Amino acid sequence: MANWQASLLMQTLSTGTVLVLQRDRADPDEVPTLHGGDTFYGSLPDGDPFGGTVMERHDNRAVVEVAQKRYRLHKAQPHETTDRDLNIDQPHEFWVVD
C-alpha cells in the first residue's frame, strides 16, 4: 500500500474531474502505479481537506471511496489533461471521475 497526495483540476469531485495523484516519498525515476488499498489525501480548491482509499484497480479503471461515497475513475487520456502546464516534482498519475 502507498500514500498519494491528491490535487483536483476542478472545483469538486464530480463527473469529468481530473484527479492528479502524486506518490509520497517516491524515487523520481519510479513509474507510479495505483493499487487497491492505496490511500490519498489533499485539499479541494476552497481549502477543505479530502481523502480516500482505492477500493480496486483493474487496468485503466479504478474505484475509490471518498467520504463514504464511491467514484469510478479511468486513467486520463492525453486530451483530458495538460500535463505540461503543471509543475509536479514527484511521479504522478492522472485519473478522471466517470
C-alpha atoms as a PDB file:
ATOM      1  CA  MET A   1       0.000   0.000   0.000  1.00  0.00           C
ATOM      2  CA  ALA A   2       1.170   3.500  -0.818  1.00  0.00           C
ATOM      3  CA  ASN A   3       0.139   7.004   0.138  1.00  0.00           C
ATOM      4  CA  TRP A   4      -0.575   9.592  -2.539  1.00  0.00           C
ATOM      5  CA  GLN A   5      -1.073  13.357  -2.470  1.00  0.00           C
ATOM      6  CA  ALA A   6      -4.150  14.345  -4.457  1.00  0.00           C
ATOM      7  CA  SER A   7      -4.964  17.537  -6.342  1.00  0.00           C
ATOM      8  CA  LEU A   8      -8.124  18.345  -8.264  1.00  0.00           C
ATOM      9  CA  LEU A   9      -8.060  20.294 -11.503  1.00  0.00           C
ATOM     10  CA  MET A  10     -11.700  21.346 -10.968  1.00  0.00           C
ATOM     11  CA  GLN A  11     -13.723  22.691  -8.034  1.00  0.00           C
ATOM     12  CA  THR A  12     -15.438  19.476  -6.950  1.00  0.00           C
ATOM     13  CA  LEU A  13     -15.137  15.725  -7.137  1.00  0.00           C
ATOM     14  CA  SER A  14     -17.715  15.040  -9.862  1.00  0.00           C
ATOM     15  CA  THR A  15     -18.003  13.575 -13.363  1.00  0.00           C
ATOM     16  CA  GLY A  16     -15.154  14.822 -15.538  1.00  0.00           C
ATOM     17  CA  THR A  17     -12.971  15.992 -12.653  1.00  0.00           C
ATOM     18  CA  VAL A  18      -9.267  15.298 -13.224  1.00  0.00           C
ATOM     19  CA  LEU A  19      -7.561  13.916 -10.126  1.00  0.00           C
ATOM     20  CA  VAL A  20      -3.765  14.264 -10.007  1.00  0.00           C
ATOM     21  CA  LEU A  21      -2.177  11.689  -7.710  1.00  0.00           C
ATOM     22  CA  GLN A  22       1.465  12.114  -6.679  1.00  0.00           C
ATOM     23  CA  ARG A  23       3.364   9.460  -4.759  1.00  0.00           C
ATOM     24  CA  ASP A  24       4.625  10.384  -1.317  1.00  0.00           C
ATOM     25  CA  ARG A  25       8.316   9.637  -0.741  1.00  0.00           C
ATOM     26  CA  ALA A  26       8.926   8.041  -4.124  1.00  0.00           C
ATOM     27  CA  ASP A  27      12.063   7.756  -6.185  1.00  0.00           C
ATOM     28  CA  PRO A  28      11.754  10.329  -9.042  1.00  0.00           C
ATOM     29  CA  ASP A  29      12.638   7.577 -11.531  1.00  0.00           C
ATOM     30  CA  GLU A  30       9.824   5.324 -10.295  1.00  0.00           C
ATOM     31  CA  VAL A  31       6.807   4.801 -12.519  1.00  0.00           C
ATOM     32  CA  PRO A  32       3.851   5.229 -10.145  1.00  0.00           C
ATOM     33  CA  THR A  33       1.180   2.587 -10.105  1.00  0.00           C
ATOM     34  CA  LEU A  34      -2.047   2.947  -8.177  1.00  0.00           C
ATOM     35  CA  HIS A  35      -3.118  -0.214  -6.322  1.00  0.00           C
ATOM     36  CA  GLY A  36      -6.142  -1.334  -4.345  1.00  0.00           C
ATOM     37  CA  GLY A  37      -5.674  -0.367  -0.706  1.00  0.00           C
ATOM     38  CA  ASP A  38      -3.651   2.770  -1.511  1.00  0.00           C
ATOM     39  CA  THR A  39      -4.756   5.951   0.228  1.00  0.00           C
ATOM     40  CA  PHE A  40      -4.727   9.560  -0.939  1.00  0.00           C
ATOM     41  CA  TYR A  41      -5.288  12.956   0.632  1.00  0.00           C
ATOM     42  CA  GLY A  42      -5.370  16.560  -0.446  1.00  0.00           C
ATOM     43  CA  SER A  43      -7.316  19.812  -0.367  1.00  0.00           C
ATOM     44  CA  LEU A  44     -10.174  20.999  -2.509  1.00  0.00           C
ATOM     45  CA  PRO A  45      -9.595  24.333  -4.289  1.00  0.00           C
ATOM     46  CA  ASP A  46     -11.543  26.062  -1.474  1.00  0.00           C
ATOM     47  CA  GLY A  47      -9.123  24.603   1.083  1.00  0.00           C
ATOM     48  CA  ASP A  48     -11.387  21.885   2.505  1.00  0.00           C
ATOM     49  CA  PRO A  49      -9.452  18.641   3.068  1.00  0.00           C
ATOM     50  CA  PHE A  50     -10.452  15.414   1.373  1.00  0.00           C
ATOM     51  CA  GLY A  51      -9.025  11.942   1.223  1.00  0.00           C
ATOM     52  CA  GLY A  52      -9.929   8.439   0.248  1.00  0.00           C
ATOM     53  CA  THR A  53      -8.989   4.869  -0.420  1.00  0.00           C
ATOM     54  CA  VAL A  54      -8.559   2.951  -3.654  1.00  0.00           C
ATOM     55  CA  MET A  55     -11.072   0.117  -3.324  1.00  0.00           C
ATOM     56  CA  GLU A  56      -9.988  -1.685  -6.503  1.00  0.00           C
ATOM     57  CA  ARG A  57      -7.877  -1.183  -9.603  1.00  0.00           C
ATOM     58  CA  HIS A  58      -8.108  -3.105 -12.892  1.00  0.00           C
ATOM     59  CA  ASP A  59      -6.007  -1.943 -15.843  1.00  0.00           C
ATOM     60  CA  ASN A  60      -7.039   1.642 -16.631  1.00  0.00           C
ATOM     61  CA  ARG A  61     -10.040   1.675 -14.282  1.00  0.00           C
ATOM     62  CA  ALA A  62     -10.325   2.155 -10.534  1.00  0.00           C
ATOM     63  CA  VAL A  63     -12.933   2.585  -7.814  1.00  0.00           C
ATOM     64  CA  VAL A  64     -12.167   4.965  -4.957  1.00  0.00           C
ATOM     65  CA  GLU A  65     -14.086   5.824  -1.821  1.00  0.00           C
ATOM     66  CA  VAL A  66     -14.161   9.417  -0.548  1.00  0.00           C
ATOM     67  CA  ALA A  67     -16.348  10.422   2.425  1.00  0.00           C
ATOM     68  CA  GLN A  68     -18.264   7.116   2.242  1.00  0.00           C
ATOM     69  CA  LYS A  69     -19.126   7.662  -1.440  1.00  0.00           C
ATOM     70  CA  ARG A  70     -17.665   5.549  -4.248  1.00  0.00           C
ATOM     71  CA  TYR A  71     -16.426   7.003  -7.517  1.00  0.00           C
ATOM     72  CA  ARG A  72     -15.425   5.168 -10.672  1.00  0.00           C
ATOM     73  CA  LEU A  73     -12.286   6.512 -12.334  1.00  0.00           C
ATOM     74  CA  HIS A  74     -10.483   5.932 -15.605  1.00  0.00           C
ATOM     75  CA  LYS A  75      -6.870   6.713 -16.401  1.00  0.00           C
ATOM     76  CA  ALA A  76      -6.745  10.087 -18.134  1.00  0.00           C
ATOM     77  CA  GLN A  77      -6.118  10.245 -21.855  1.00  0.00           C
ATOM     78  CA  PRO A  78      -3.799  12.997 -23.221  1.00  0.00           C
ATOM     79  CA  HIS A  79      -6.760  15.113 -24.407  1.00  0.00           C
ATOM     80  CA  GLU A  80      -8.275  15.104 -20.884  1.00  0.00           C
ATOM     81  CA  THR A  81      -5.383  16.856 -19.186  1.00  0.00           C
ATOM     82  CA  THR A  82      -2.480  19.140 -19.914  1.00  0.00           C
ATOM     83  CA  ASP A  83       0.468  17.585 -18.094  1.00  0.00           C
ATOM     84  CA  ARG A  84       2.881  20.203 -19.440  1.00  0.00           C
ATOM     85  CA  ASP A  85       1.037  23.043 -17.640  1.00  0.00           C
ATOM     86  CA  LEU A  86       1.665  21.606 -14.165  1.00  0.00           C
ATOM     87  CA  ASN A  87       4.787  21.779 -12.040  1.00  0.00           C
ATOM     88  CA  ILE A  88       4.844  18.342 -10.414  1.00  0.00           C
ATOM     89  CA  ASP A  89       8.108  17.031  -8.992  1.00  0.00           C
ATOM     90  CA  GLN A  90       7.046  13.582  -7.773  1.00  0.00           C
ATOM     91  CA  PRO A  91       5.979  10.694 -10.018  1.00  0.00           C
ATOM     92  CA  HIS A  92       2.274  11.062 -10.693  1.00  0.00           C
ATOM     93  CA  GLU A  93      -0.795   9.716 -12.485  1.00  0.00           C
ATOM     94  CA  PHE A  94      -3.861  11.483 -13.844  1.00  0.00           C
ATOM     95  CA  TRP A  95      -7.304   9.929 -13.300  1.00  0.00           C
ATOM     96  CA  VAL A  96     -10.746  11.177 -14.365  1.00  0.00           C
ATOM     97  CA  VAL A  97     -14.019  10.660 -12.499  1.00  0.00           C
ATOM     98  CA  ASP A  98     -16.560   8.796 -14.684  1.00  0.00           C
END
